[in-house]
Amino acid sequence: QTKTKTAVLPQKEHAILTLVDGSKMILDSMGNGVVTTQAGVAVTLQNGQLIYAQDSLHHAGEVLYNTMTTPKGRQYQLVLPDGSKVWLNAASSITYPVVFTAGERQVKITGEAYFEITPDKSKPFFVKTAKANVRVLGTGFNVNAYDDEASVKTTLVHGSVQVSNKAGNIIIRPGQQATVAD
């Protein structure tokens, strides 16, 4: 009996950006340059990566949120307004503010994302999922929070993070993984 090997094709860059007004932009069909400007923030597409560049360090007013969504078999890289980097895996989404205001930096994800967070002790960074919250105490980590999975898995590459849910919290170190089930 002969087994045939199936080639696994590399994932392609593709994402849909949903702006605060509900309009959608298919990013892989656009060229490099400014995609939009929201609340004084230029949103630029550069070689398959979306970058938020704040014109001013001070921002007053309502907080505006965008959502990045990747379909199955696709991925996308995003640079948040604070310079933090996010690699969004297939069939995933991240909702984030156009500008991080005073107090804390918070994003919400479904699916899976890898983060490298820009340090800012005055503004802690939080990743919210349906089952758990991750507070960033370091920088490089992955969160797997697909809705069809029984648990949320947070894996730390470097630094430290605190994972919490209604049952309590735990701090993990590099090479460790925290699993939160229902």
Protein backbone atom coordinates (compact mmCIF):
# COMPACT_ATOMS: atom_id res chain seq x y z
CA GLN A 1 0.00 0.00 0.00
CA THR A 2 1.46 3.33 -1.07
CA LYS A 3 0.87 6.44 0.95
CA THR A 4 0.85 9.75 -0.83
CA LYS A 5 2.04 12.89 0.86
CA THR A 6 -0.09 15.97 0.69
CA ALA A 7 1.85 19.20 0.52
CA VAL A 8 0.85 21.75 3.12
CA LEU A 9 0.85 25.13 1.48
CA PRO A 10 2.10 28.11 3.45
CA GLN A 11 -0.55 30.41 4.80
CA LYS A 12 -1.11 33.57 2.83
CA GLU A 13 -1.49 37.07 4.17
CA HIS A 14 -5.17 38.05 4.10
CA ALA A 15 -7.38 39.97 6.47
CA ILE A 16 -10.51 42.06 6.64
CA LEU A 17 -10.39 45.29 8.63
CA THR A 18 -13.72 46.42 10.07
CA LEU A 19 -13.67 50.13 10.95
CA VAL A 20 -15.63 51.76 13.75
CA ASP A 21 -18.38 52.79 11.30
CA GLY A 22 -18.86 49.16 10.22
CA SER A 23 -17.23 49.54 6.81
CA LYS A 24 -14.97 46.67 5.75
CA MET A 25 -11.65 46.77 3.90
CA ILE A 26 -10.08 43.69 2.29
CA LEU A 27 -6.42 44.38 2.97
CA ASP A 28 -4.79 41.95 0.53
CA SER A 29 -6.47 43.73 -2.40
CA MET A 30 -4.97 47.11 -1.44
CA GLY A 31 -1.56 48.56 -2.19
CA ASN A 32 0.93 50.14 0.21
CA GLY A 33 -0.03 53.50 1.69
CA VAL A 34 -2.48 55.15 4.08
CA VAL A 35 -5.68 53.10 4.28
CA THR A 36 -7.60 55.51 6.51
CA THR A 37 -7.17 58.09 9.26
CA GLN A 38 -9.17 57.76 12.47
CA ALA A 39 -8.99 60.00 15.57
CA GLY A 40 -5.65 61.47 14.47
CA VAL A 41 -4.16 58.06 13.74
CA ALA A 42 -2.89 57.17 10.27
CA VAL A 43 -3.58 53.53 9.42
CA THR A 44 -0.99 52.43 6.86
CA LEU A 45 -0.61 49.26 4.86
CA GLN A 46 3.04 48.40 4.33
CA ASN A 47 4.16 45.15 2.67
CA GLY A 48 1.33 43.01 4.05
CA GLN A 49 1.36 44.55 7.52
CA LEU A 50 -1.11 47.06 8.99
CA ILE A 51 0.48 49.83 11.07
CA TYR A 52 -1.19 52.40 13.31
CA ALA A 53 0.83 55.60 13.73
CA GLN A 54 -0.51 58.12 16.19
CA ASP A 55 -0.02 61.76 15.14
CA SER A 56 -0.09 63.01 18.71
CA LEU A 57 0.70 61.40 22.05
CA HIS A 58 -2.38 63.02 23.55
CA HIS A 59 -5.89 62.06 22.55
CA ALA A 60 -9.16 63.13 24.09
CA GLY A 61 -12.64 61.97 23.28
CA GLU A 62 -14.41 58.73 22.59
CA VAL A 63 -12.42 55.52 22.16
CA LEU A 64 -12.81 54.07 18.65
CA TYR A 65 -12.38 50.33 18.03
CA ASN A 66 -11.39 48.43 14.89
CA THR A 67 -11.56 44.68 14.33
CA MET A 68 -9.11 42.66 12.23
CA THR A 69 -10.42 39.28 11.02
CA THR A 70 -8.59 36.51 9.18
CA PRO A 71 -10.43 33.74 7.31
CA LYS A 72 -9.47 30.05 7.42
CA GLY A 73 -6.05 29.37 5.93
CA ARG A 74 -4.91 33.01 6.19
CA GLN A 75 -2.90 35.10 8.65
CA TYR A 76 -1.98 38.76 9.13
CA GLN A 77 0.45 40.95 11.04
CA LEU A 78 -0.62 44.13 12.79
CA VAL A 79 1.31 46.86 14.61
CA LEU A 80 -0.93 48.38 17.29
CA PRO A 81 -0.94 52.13 18.10
CA ASP A 82 1.60 51.62 20.94
CA GLY A 83 4.04 49.78 18.64
CA SER A 84 3.12 46.31 19.94
CA LYS A 85 3.14 43.60 17.27
CA VAL A 86 0.40 41.01 16.74
CA TRP A 87 0.49 38.00 14.40
CA LEU A 88 -3.14 36.95 13.90
CA ASN A 89 -3.52 33.29 12.94
CA ALA A 90 -6.18 31.74 10.67
CA ALA A 91 -9.89 32.05 11.50
CA SER A 92 -9.14 34.62 14.22
CA SER A 93 -10.04 38.18 15.13
CA ILE A 94 -8.72 40.98 17.30
CA THR A 95 -10.67 44.03 18.44
CA TYR A 96 -8.50 46.96 19.57
CA PRO A 97 -8.72 50.73 20.07
CA VAL A 98 -7.43 53.08 17.40
CA VAL A 99 -5.62 54.92 20.23
CA PHE A 100 -4.71 53.50 23.63
CA THR A 101 -5.87 56.06 26.18
CA ALA A 102 -4.70 56.56 29.77
CA GLY A 103 -4.86 53.71 32.23
CA GLU A 104 -4.47 50.45 30.37
CA ARG A 105 -4.13 48.87 26.95
CA GLN A 106 -6.75 46.23 26.23
CA VAL A 107 -7.55 44.06 23.21
CA LYS A 108 -10.02 41.22 22.70
CA ILE A 109 -9.32 38.14 20.58
CA THR A 110 -11.01 35.07 19.23
CA GLY A 111 -8.93 32.32 17.67
CA GLU A 112 -5.15 32.56 18.00
CA ALA A 113 -2.61 35.38 18.11
CA TYR A 114 1.06 35.80 18.97
CA PHE A 115 1.99 39.06 20.71
CA GLU A 116 5.18 41.05 21.25
CA ILE A 117 4.17 43.88 23.54
CA THR A 118 5.90 47.26 23.79
CA PRO A 119 6.71 47.80 27.49
CA ASP A 120 4.84 50.63 29.26
CA LYS A 121 4.64 50.31 33.06
CA SER A 122 2.07 53.12 33.25
CA LYS A 123 -0.32 51.27 30.90
CA PRO A 124 -0.60 47.51 31.54
CA PHE A 125 -1.58 45.40 28.53
CA PHE A 126 -4.51 42.95 28.70
CA VAL A 127 -5.73 40.33 26.24
CA LYS A 128 -9.36 39.35 26.83
CA THR A 129 -10.89 36.10 25.56
CA ALA A 130 -14.28 34.50 26.19
CA LYS A 131 -12.83 32.24 28.91
CA ALA A 132 -9.76 33.98 30.32
CA ASN A 133 -7.86 37.23 30.61
CA VAL A 134 -4.12 37.60 30.13
CA ARG A 135 -2.22 40.44 31.80
CA VAL A 136 1.12 41.08 30.17
CA LEU A 137 4.08 41.28 32.54
CA GLY A 138 6.61 40.56 29.77
CA THR A 139 6.48 40.57 26.03
CA GLY A 140 6.45 37.43 23.84
CA PHE A 141 3.47 35.07 24.19
CA ASN A 142 0.79 33.20 22.27
CA VAL A 143 -2.93 32.95 23.11
CA ASN A 144 -5.02 30.15 21.59
CA ALA A 145 -8.70 30.91 22.22
CA TYR A 146 -10.68 29.33 19.38
CA ASP A 147 -14.38 29.10 20.25
CA ASP A 148 -14.55 25.41 19.31
CA GLU A 149 -11.70 24.45 21.67
CA ALA A 150 -12.46 23.24 25.20
CA SER A 151 -9.83 25.52 26.72
CA VAL A 152 -7.80 28.67 26.24
CA LYS A 153 -4.04 28.07 26.09
CA THR A 154 -1.49 30.79 26.80
CA THR A 155 2.11 29.91 25.99
CA LEU A 156 4.97 32.17 27.09
CA VAL A 157 8.06 32.62 24.93
CA HIS A 158 9.83 35.33 26.93
CA GLY A 159 8.96 37.67 29.80
CA SER A 160 5.97 36.78 31.98
CA VAL A 161 2.19 36.94 31.86
CA GLN A 162 -0.61 36.51 34.36
CA VAL A 163 -3.56 34.37 33.24
CA SER A 164 -6.83 34.72 35.12
CA ASN A 165 -10.44 33.60 35.07
CA LYS A 166 -13.24 33.37 37.62
CA ALA A 167 -11.39 30.59 39.48
CA GLY A 168 -8.22 32.62 40.09
CA ASN A 169 -4.95 33.54 38.43
CA ILE A 170 -1.45 32.24 37.76
CA ILE A 171 1.79 33.78 36.54
CA ILE A 172 3.66 31.74 33.96
CA ARG A 173 7.31 31.91 32.97
CA PRO A 174 9.09 31.29 29.62
CA GLY A 175 8.45 27.81 28.23
CA GLN A 176 5.32 27.34 30.34
CA GLN A 177 1.72 27.11 29.18
CA ALA A 178 -1.44 27.91 31.15
CA THR A 179 -4.66 26.12 30.17
CA VAL A 180 -8.04 27.53 31.22
CA ALA A 181 -11.09 25.31 30.70
CA ASP A 182 -14.76 26.06 31.36
